């Protein structure tokens, strides 16, 4: 995409978070046509959001890493977005309901990285990514449907806008995660005391670190490699629950 198209797209997308505007399909003249365009726009949008007071990115989220979410959104492959510092809470989260357009929650596993994952070490695999994981956490990703009708949106535009990302809550960090069978963890979500979904960690691409390796390789491909200290939400094991 040329600089003018990027500027036009970013000015529209930023309104979804800086001005609480509902978003619709971008004009064809500045609509991303593929994932390369999408992640280029995502990076430019990040600069605009930070400049506008939304905060600094401190991690990533991956959507559609499980069959339940791929079937729900009709998207057959993972999609990544950024996570911003002011939207991330620890152990117990409290959010203002009216600050969202249409808020939803997802049940996830998250990790914190202890090392950079540079291009020089790519491509990454599950086994080679593991030494960079400092801690594993239960996580709730908070998502926001900022769209007039997201079912009409192309995937590239959804990625450019951080794929519904709106924040999250992290549980207690587990640094002794090597003592766990990370492919056999179970999780469930309850709303107002009623269980609304459950799954297991192997639902995430067979193993949660497969998703992390995918992200590390994708980030390298698009010039925004993962850094030490970043938090990564690896994908929901339950269908999004809109509130």
C-alpha atoms as a PDB file:
ATOM      1  CA  UNK A   1       0.000   0.000   0.000  1.00  0.00           C
ATOM      2  CA  UNK A   2       1.229   3.507  -0.707  1.00  0.00           C
ATOM      3  CA  UNK A   3       1.585   6.094   2.037  1.00  0.00           C
ATOM      4  CA  UNK A   4      -1.625   7.943   1.168  1.00  0.00           C
ATOM      5  CA  UNK A   5      -3.711   4.775   1.235  1.00  0.00           C
ATOM      6  CA  UNK A   6      -2.198   3.812   4.593  1.00  0.00           C
ATOM      7  CA  UNK A   7      -2.897   7.279   6.003  1.00  0.00           C
ATOM      8  CA  UNK A   8      -6.511   7.203   4.824  1.00  0.00           C
ATOM      9  CA  UNK A   9      -7.140   3.729   6.224  1.00  0.00           C
ATOM     10  CA  UNK A  10      -5.536   4.487   9.574  1.00  0.00           C
ATOM     11  CA  UNK A  11      -7.515   7.700  10.006  1.00  0.00           C
ATOM     12  CA  UNK A  12     -10.731   5.693   9.662  1.00  0.00           C
ATOM     13  CA  UNK A  13      -9.727   2.709  11.806  1.00  0.00           C
ATOM     14  CA  UNK A  14      -8.357   4.850  14.640  1.00  0.00           C
ATOM     15  CA  UNK A  15     -11.794   6.383  15.147  1.00  0.00           C
ATOM     16  CA  UNK A  16     -13.063   3.046  16.410  1.00  0.00           C
ATOM     17  CA  UNK A  17     -10.981   3.419  19.563  1.00  0.00           C
ATOM     18  CA  UNK A  18     -10.080   7.093  19.830  1.00  0.00           C
ATOM     19  CA  UNK A  19     -13.556   8.439  19.029  1.00  0.00           C
ATOM     20  CA  UNK A  20     -15.779   5.419  19.803  1.00  0.00           C
ATOM     21  CA  UNK A  21     -17.042   5.418  16.219  1.00  0.00           C
ATOM     22  CA  UNK A  22     -18.630   2.378  14.618  1.00  0.00           C
ATOM     23  CA  UNK A  23     -16.534   1.101  11.731  1.00  0.00           C
ATOM     24  CA  UNK A  24     -17.673  -0.067   8.319  1.00  0.00           C
ATOM     25  CA  UNK A  25     -15.984  -1.406   5.207  1.00  0.00           C
ATOM     26  CA  UNK A  26     -13.046   0.718   4.090  1.00  0.00           C
ATOM     27  CA  UNK A  27     -13.208   2.358   0.695  1.00  0.00           C
ATOM     28  CA  UNK A  28     -11.726   0.189  -2.024  1.00  0.00           C
ATOM     29  CA  UNK A  29      -8.993   2.747  -2.722  1.00  0.00           C
ATOM     30  CA  UNK A  30      -7.443   2.175   0.710  1.00  0.00           C
ATOM     31  CA  UNK A  31      -8.696  -1.269   1.676  1.00  0.00           C
ATOM     32  CA  UNK A  32      -6.016  -3.919   2.415  1.00  0.00           C
ATOM     33  CA  UNK A  33      -6.035  -6.678  -0.177  1.00  0.00           C
ATOM     34  CA  UNK A  34      -3.943  -9.298   1.632  1.00  0.00           C
ATOM     35  CA  UNK A  35      -2.268 -10.074   4.947  1.00  0.00           C
ATOM     36  CA  UNK A  36       0.860  -8.152   4.005  1.00  0.00           C
ATOM     37  CA  UNK A  37      -1.247  -5.001   3.632  1.00  0.00           C
ATOM     38  CA  UNK A  38      -3.146  -5.889   6.809  1.00  0.00           C
ATOM     39  CA  UNK A  39      -0.104  -6.111   9.068  1.00  0.00           C
ATOM     40  CA  UNK A  40       1.410  -3.009   7.476  1.00  0.00           C
ATOM     41  CA  UNK A  41      -1.774  -1.125   8.347  1.00  0.00           C
ATOM     42  CA  UNK A  42      -1.828  -2.637  11.835  1.00  0.00           C
ATOM     43  CA  UNK A  43       1.646  -1.248  12.530  1.00  0.00           C
ATOM     44  CA  UNK A  44       0.697   2.193  11.228  1.00  0.00           C
ATOM     45  CA  UNK A  45      -2.530   2.148  13.250  1.00  0.00           C
ATOM     46  CA  UNK A  46      -0.517   1.330  16.361  1.00  0.00           C
ATOM     47  CA  UNK A  47       1.517   4.496  15.932  1.00  0.00           C
ATOM     48  CA  UNK A  48      -1.666   6.537  15.512  1.00  0.00           C
ATOM     49  CA  UNK A  49      -3.358   4.992  18.547  1.00  0.00           C
ATOM     50  CA  UNK A  50      -0.320   5.549  20.739  1.00  0.00           C
ATOM     51  CA  UNK A  51       0.006   9.150  19.567  1.00  0.00           C
ATOM     52  CA  UNK A  52      -3.692   9.616  20.321  1.00  0.00           C
ATOM     53  CA  UNK A  53      -3.305   8.471  23.930  1.00  0.00           C
ATOM     54  CA  UNK A  54      -4.492   4.874  23.622  1.00  0.00           C
ATOM     55  CA  UNK A  55      -1.246   3.531  25.090  1.00  0.00           C
ATOM     56  CA  UNK A  56       1.776   1.528  24.050  1.00  0.00           C
ATOM     57  CA  UNK A  57       1.552  -2.020  22.674  1.00  0.00           C
ATOM     58  CA  UNK A  58       2.875  -4.564  25.188  1.00  0.00           C
ATOM     59  CA  UNK A  59       1.958  -7.826  23.520  1.00  0.00           C
ATOM     60  CA  UNK A  60      -0.025  -9.682  20.892  1.00  0.00           C
ATOM     61  CA  UNK A  61      -3.164 -11.754  20.562  1.00  0.00           C
ATOM     62  CA  UNK A  62      -3.898 -14.543  18.120  1.00  0.00           C
ATOM     63  CA  UNK A  63      -7.385 -15.282  16.897  1.00  0.00           C
ATOM     64  CA  UNK A  64      -8.709 -18.369  15.116  1.00  0.00           C
ATOM     65  CA  UNK A  65      -6.166 -20.863  16.450  1.00  0.00           C
ATOM     66  CA  UNK A  66      -8.904 -23.322  17.424  1.00  0.00           C
ATOM     67  CA  UNK A  67     -11.517 -25.149  15.385  1.00  0.00           C
ATOM     68  CA  UNK A  68     -14.334 -23.656  17.451  1.00  0.00           C
ATOM     69  CA  UNK A  69     -13.269 -20.105  16.584  1.00  0.00           C
ATOM     70  CA  UNK A  70     -12.454 -20.877  12.952  1.00  0.00           C
ATOM     71  CA  UNK A  71     -15.920 -22.357  12.522  1.00  0.00           C
ATOM     72  CA  UNK A  72     -17.558 -19.477  14.400  1.00  0.00           C
ATOM     73  CA  UNK A  73     -15.893 -16.721  12.355  1.00  0.00           C
ATOM     74  CA  UNK A  74     -15.626 -18.743   9.115  1.00  0.00           C
ATOM     75  CA  UNK A  75     -11.893 -17.960   8.971  1.00  0.00           C
ATOM     76  CA  UNK A  76      -9.640 -21.019   8.441  1.00  0.00           C
ATOM     77  CA  UNK A  77      -6.321 -19.601   9.642  1.00  0.00           C
ATOM     78  CA  UNK A  78      -4.811 -17.737  12.612  1.00  0.00           C
ATOM     79  CA  UNK A  79      -4.872 -13.927  12.677  1.00  0.00           C
ATOM     80  CA  UNK A  80      -2.803 -11.693  14.978  1.00  0.00           C
ATOM     81  CA  UNK A  81      -3.322  -8.327  16.640  1.00  0.00           C
ATOM     82  CA  UNK A  82      -1.643  -6.077  19.185  1.00  0.00           C
ATOM     83  CA  UNK A  83      -2.432  -5.702  22.909  1.00  0.00           C
ATOM     84  CA  UNK A  84      -2.079  -2.276  24.562  1.00  0.00           C
ATOM     85  CA  UNK A  85      -0.852  -1.550  28.082  1.00  0.00           C
ATOM     86  CA  UNK A  86      -3.905   0.339  29.437  1.00  0.00           C
ATOM     87  CA  UNK A  87      -6.226  -2.481  28.336  1.00  0.00           C
ATOM     88  CA  UNK A  88      -4.343  -5.242  30.162  1.00  0.00           C
ATOM     89  CA  UNK A  89      -5.161  -6.152  33.772  1.00  0.00           C
ATOM     90  CA  UNK A  90      -3.702  -8.656  36.226  1.00  0.00           C
ATOM     91  CA  UNK A  91      -5.474 -11.430  38.152  1.00  0.00           C
ATOM     92  CA  UNK A  92      -8.821  -9.621  38.400  1.00  0.00           C
ATOM     93  CA  UNK A  93     -10.190  -7.315  35.758  1.00  0.00           C
ATOM     94  CA  UNK A  94     -12.702  -4.504  35.998  1.00  0.00           C
ATOM     95  CA  UNK A  95     -13.806  -2.742  32.825  1.00  0.00           C
ATOM     96  CA  UNK A  96     -16.346  -0.030  32.048  1.00  0.00           C
ATOM     97  CA  UNK A  97     -19.067  -1.741  30.029  1.00  0.00           C
ATOM     98  CA  UNK A  98     -20.075   1.419  28.178  1.00  0.00           C
ATOM     99  CA  UNK A  99     -16.516   1.964  26.957  1.00  0.00           C
ATOM    100  CA  UNK A 100     -17.039  -0.823  24.401  1.00  0.00           C
ATOM    101  CA  UNK A 101     -19.213  -1.022  21.300  1.00  0.00           C
ATOM    102  CA  UNK A 102     -20.152  -4.682  21.825  1.00  0.00           C
ATOM    103  CA  UNK A 103     -17.888  -6.399  24.310  1.00  0.00           C
ATOM    104  CA  UNK A 104     -17.094 -10.086  24.380  1.00  0.00           C
ATOM    105  CA  UNK A 105     -14.872 -12.429  26.382  1.00  0.00           C
ATOM    106  CA  UNK A 106     -12.776 -15.451  25.462  1.00  0.00           C
ATOM    107  CA  UNK A 107     -11.058 -18.203  27.483  1.00  0.00           C
ATOM    108  CA  UNK A 108      -7.359 -18.443  26.662  1.00  0.00           C
ATOM    109  CA  UNK A 109      -3.829 -19.432  27.582  1.00  0.00           C
ATOM    110  CA  UNK A 110      -1.275 -16.626  27.584  1.00  0.00           C
ATOM    111  CA  UNK A 111       2.506 -16.518  27.842  1.00  0.00           C
ATOM    112  CA  UNK A 112       5.132 -13.957  28.784  1.00  0.00           C
ATOM    113  CA  UNK A 113       8.381 -13.986  26.843  1.00  0.00           C
ATOM    114  CA  UNK A 114      11.833 -13.788  28.406  1.00  0.00           C
ATOM    115  CA  UNK A 115      13.776 -13.470  25.149  1.00  0.00           C
ATOM    116  CA  UNK A 116      13.587 -11.705  21.820  1.00  0.00           C
ATOM    117  CA  UNK A 117      12.586 -13.896  18.879  1.00  0.00           C
ATOM    118  CA  UNK A 118      14.546 -12.327  16.018  1.00  0.00           C
ATOM    119  CA  UNK A 119      14.589 -13.063  12.328  1.00  0.00           C
ATOM    120  CA  UNK A 120      18.069 -14.562  12.672  1.00  0.00           C
ATOM    121  CA  UNK A 121      16.636 -17.555  14.576  1.00  0.00           C
ATOM    122  CA  UNK A 122      13.636 -18.146  12.316  1.00  0.00           C
ATOM    123  CA  UNK A 123      11.851 -20.265  11.343  1.00  0.00           C
ATOM    124  CA  UNK A 124      10.563 -21.159  14.794  1.00  0.00           C
ATOM    125  CA  UNK A 125       9.018 -24.444  15.879  1.00  0.00           C
ATOM    126  CA  UNK A 126       7.304 -25.562  19.074  1.00  0.00           C
ATOM    127  CA  UNK A 127      10.542 -26.978  20.477  1.00  0.00           C
ATOM    128  CA  UNK A 128      12.678 -23.962  19.614  1.00  0.00           C
ATOM    129  CA  UNK A 129      10.152 -21.437  20.901  1.00  0.00           C
ATOM    130  CA  UNK A 130       9.831 -23.003  24.375  1.00  0.00           C
ATOM    131  CA  UNK A 131      13.081 -21.614  25.865  1.00  0.00           C
ATOM    132  CA  UNK A 132      11.786 -18.077  25.271  1.00  0.00           C
ATOM    133  CA  UNK A 133       8.692 -18.613  27.451  1.00  0.00           C
ATOM    134  CA  UNK A 134       9.154 -17.181  30.934  1.00  0.00           C
ATOM    135  CA  UNK A 135       5.649 -17.831  32.258  1.00  0.00           C
ATOM    136  CA  UNK A 136       2.321 -19.357  31.268  1.00  0.00           C
ATOM    137  CA  UNK A 137      -0.972 -17.903  32.489  1.00  0.00           C
ATOM    138  CA  UNK A 138      -4.674 -18.444  32.255  1.00  0.00           C
ATOM    139  CA  UNK A 139      -6.120 -15.518  30.376  1.00  0.00           C
ATOM    140  CA  UNK A 140      -9.379 -13.861  29.466  1.00  0.00           C
ATOM    141  CA  UNK A 141      -9.183 -11.889  26.269  1.00  0.00           C
ATOM    142  CA  UNK A 142     -11.580  -8.970  26.044  1.00  0.00           C
ATOM    143  CA  UNK A 143     -12.781  -8.322  22.505  1.00  0.00           C
ATOM    144  CA  UNK A 144     -14.888  -5.559  21.034  1.00  0.00           C
ATOM    145  CA  UNK A 145     -17.029  -5.687  17.914  1.00  0.00           C
ATOM    146  CA  UNK A 146     -16.344  -2.203  16.585  1.00  0.00           C
ATOM    147  CA  UNK A 147     -18.047  -2.921  13.260  1.00  0.00           C
ATOM    148  CA  UNK A 148     -21.446  -2.043  11.850  1.00  0.00           C
ATOM    149  CA  UNK A 149     -21.589  -5.688  10.703  1.00  0.00           C
ATOM    150  CA  UNK A 150     -18.403  -7.701  11.158  1.00  0.00           C
ATOM    151  CA  UNK A 151     -19.770 -10.602   9.127  1.00  0.00           C
ATOM    152  CA  UNK A 152     -19.465  -8.413   6.016  1.00  0.00           C
ATOM    153  CA  UNK A 153     -15.834  -7.513   6.678  1.00  0.00           C
ATOM    154  CA  UNK A 154     -12.880  -8.966   4.823  1.00  0.00           C
ATOM    155  CA  UNK A 155     -10.249 -10.733   6.928  1.00  0.00           C
ATOM    156  CA  UNK A 156      -7.454  -8.313   6.016  1.00  0.00           C
ATOM    157  CA  UNK A 157      -9.393  -5.346   7.407  1.00  0.00           C
ATOM    158  CA  UNK A 158     -10.203  -7.243  10.611  1.00  0.00           C
ATOM    159  CA  UNK A 159      -6.489  -7.972  11.060  1.00  0.00           C
ATOM    160  CA  UNK A 160      -5.566  -4.342  10.414  1.00  0.00           C
ATOM    161  CA  UNK A 161      -7.843  -3.364  13.323  1.00  0.00           C
ATOM    162  CA  UNK A 162      -6.194  -5.896  15.682  1.00  0.00           C
ATOM    163  CA  UNK A 163      -8.794  -8.591  15.038  1.00  0.00           C
ATOM    164  CA  UNK A 164     -11.377  -7.402  17.583  1.00  0.00           C
ATOM    165  CA  UNK A 165      -8.682  -6.922  20.259  1.00  0.00           C
ATOM    166  CA  UNK A 166      -9.674  -4.736  23.205  1.00  0.00           C
ATOM    167  CA  UNK A 167      -7.637  -5.992  26.169  1.00  0.00           C
ATOM    168  CA  UNK A 168      -7.430  -8.846  28.587  1.00  0.00           C
ATOM    169  CA  UNK A 169      -6.957 -10.199  32.090  1.00  0.00           C
ATOM    170  CA  UNK A 170      -4.002 -12.368  33.078  1.00  0.00           C
ATOM    171  CA  UNK A 171      -3.992 -14.973  35.827  1.00  0.00           C
ATOM    172  CA  UNK A 172      -1.133 -15.847  38.160  1.00  0.00           C
ATOM    173  CA  UNK A 173       2.099 -16.376  36.182  1.00  0.00           C
ATOM    174  CA  UNK A 174       3.306 -19.986  36.296  1.00  0.00           C
ATOM    175  CA  UNK A 175       7.065 -20.073  35.796  1.00  0.00           C
ATOM    176  CA  UNK A 176       7.252 -23.808  36.527  1.00  0.00           C
ATOM    177  CA  UNK A 177       5.179 -24.550  33.427  1.00  0.00           C
ATOM    178  CA  UNK A 178       7.636 -27.267  32.363  1.00  0.00           C
ATOM    179  CA  UNK A 179       6.096 -29.420  35.105  1.00  0.00           C
ATOM    180  CA  UNK A 180       2.739 -29.249  33.309  1.00  0.00           C
ATOM    181  CA  UNK A 181       1.426 -31.117  30.294  1.00  0.00           C
ATOM    182  CA  UNK A 182       0.616 -27.993  28.304  1.00  0.00           C
ATOM    183  CA  UNK A 183      -1.374 -29.961  25.732  1.00  0.00           C
ATOM    184  CA  UNK A 184      -3.722 -31.398  28.371  1.00  0.00           C
ATOM    185  CA  UNK A 185      -4.877 -28.361  30.341  1.00  0.00           C
ATOM    186  CA  UNK A 186      -8.622 -27.853  30.616  1.00  0.00           C
ATOM    187  CA  UNK A 187     -10.439 -24.569  30.802  1.00  0.00           C
ATOM    188  CA  UNK A 188     -14.000 -23.370  31.123  1.00  0.00           C
ATOM    189  CA  UNK A 189     -15.806 -20.060  31.168  1.00  0.00           C
ATOM    190  CA  UNK A 190     -18.705 -19.087  33.395  1.00  0.00           C
ATOM    191  CA  UNK A 191     -20.826 -15.946  33.198  1.00  0.00           C
ATOM    192  CA  UNK A 192     -22.988 -15.031  36.196  1.00  0.00           C
ATOM    193  CA  UNK A 193     -22.344 -18.464  37.682  1.00  0.00           C
ATOM    194  CA  UNK A 194     -23.374 -20.439  34.599  1.00  0.00           C
ATOM    195  CA  UNK A 195     -20.817 -22.345  32.542  1.00  0.00           C
ATOM    196  CA  UNK A 196     -20.997 -21.211  28.928  1.00  0.00           C
ATOM    197  CA  UNK A 197     -18.124 -23.107  27.334  1.00  0.00           C
ATOM    198  CA  UNK A 198     -15.119 -25.336  27.870  1.00  0.00           C
ATOM    199  CA  UNK A 199     -12.166 -26.792  26.021  1.00  0.00           C
ATOM    200  CA  UNK A 200      -8.650 -28.150  26.322  1.00  0.00           C
ATOM    201  CA  UNK A 201      -5.305 -26.615  25.485  1.00  0.00           C
ATOM    202  CA  UNK A 202      -4.649 -29.076  22.659  1.00  0.00           C
ATOM    203  CA  UNK A 203      -7.518 -27.353  20.839  1.00  0.00           C
ATOM    204  CA  UNK A 204      -4.976 -24.590  20.154  1.00  0.00           C
ATOM    205  CA  UNK A 205      -3.302 -25.957  17.021  1.00  0.00           C
ATOM    206  CA  UNK A 206      -2.559 -29.239  18.813  1.00  0.00           C
ATOM    207  CA  UNK A 207      -0.352 -27.505  21.397  1.00  0.00           C
ATOM    208  CA  UNK A 208      -0.320 -23.875  22.614  1.00  0.00           C
ATOM    209  CA  UNK A 209       3.302 -23.386  21.566  1.00  0.00           C
ATOM    210  CA  UNK A 210       2.388 -24.239  17.971  1.00  0.00           C
ATOM    211  CA  UNK A 211       0.386 -21.019  17.992  1.00  0.00           C
ATOM    212  CA  UNK A 212       3.294 -19.127  19.529  1.00  0.00           C
ATOM    213  CA  UNK A 213       5.658 -20.458  16.863  1.00  0.00           C
ATOM    214  CA  UNK A 214       3.185 -19.426  14.167  1.00  0.00           C
ATOM    215  CA  UNK A 215       3.075 -15.913  15.611  1.00  0.00           C
ATOM    216  CA  UNK A 216       6.857 -15.649  15.899  1.00  0.00           C
ATOM    217  CA  UNK A 217       7.255 -16.609  12.246  1.00  0.00           C
ATOM    218  CA  UNK A 218       4.448 -14.322  11.109  1.00  0.00           C
ATOM    219  CA  UNK A 219       5.874 -11.416  13.094  1.00  0.00           C
ATOM    220  CA  UNK A 220       9.285 -11.926  11.507  1.00  0.00           C
ATOM    221  CA  UNK A 221       7.707 -12.111   8.068  1.00  0.00           C
ATOM    222  CA  UNK A 222       6.057  -8.727   8.563  1.00  0.00           C
ATOM    223  CA  UNK A 223       9.007  -6.975  10.184  1.00  0.00           C
ATOM    224  CA  UNK A 224       7.708  -6.800  13.755  1.00  0.00           C
ATOM    225  CA  UNK A 225       9.433  -9.636  15.607  1.00  0.00           C
ATOM    226  CA  UNK A 226       8.447 -10.588  19.149  1.00  0.00           C
ATOM    227  CA  UNK A 227      10.395  -9.040  22.030  1.00  0.00           C
ATOM    228  CA  UNK A 228      11.285 -10.050  25.567  1.00  0.00           C
ATOM    229  CA  UNK A 229       8.583  -9.040  28.036  1.00  0.00           C
ATOM    230  CA  UNK A 230       5.721  -9.262  25.574  1.00  0.00           C
ATOM    231  CA  UNK A 231       2.481 -10.968  26.554  1.00  0.00           C
ATOM    232  CA  UNK A 232       0.828 -13.236  23.989  1.00  0.00           C
ATOM    233  CA  UNK A 233      -2.760 -14.497  24.119  1.00  0.00           C
ATOM    234  CA  UNK A 234      -2.692 -17.765  22.167  1.00  0.00           C
ATOM    235  CA  UNK A 235      -6.338 -18.173  21.151  1.00  0.00           C
ATOM    236  CA  UNK A 236      -9.709 -18.997  22.655  1.00  0.00           C
ATOM    237  CA  UNK A 237     -10.772 -22.540  23.508  1.00  0.00           C
ATOM    238  CA  UNK A 238     -14.410 -21.413  23.695  1.00  0.00           C
ATOM    239  CA  UNK A 239     -16.581 -19.546  21.241  1.00  0.00           C
ATOM    240  CA  UNK A 240     -16.626 -15.795  21.876  1.00  0.00           C
ATOM    241  CA  UNK A 241     -19.288 -14.849  24.400  1.00  0.00           C
ATOM    242  CA  UNK A 242     -20.782 -11.442  23.632  1.00  0.00           C
ATOM    243  CA  UNK A 243     -22.154  -9.594  26.646  1.00  0.00           C
END
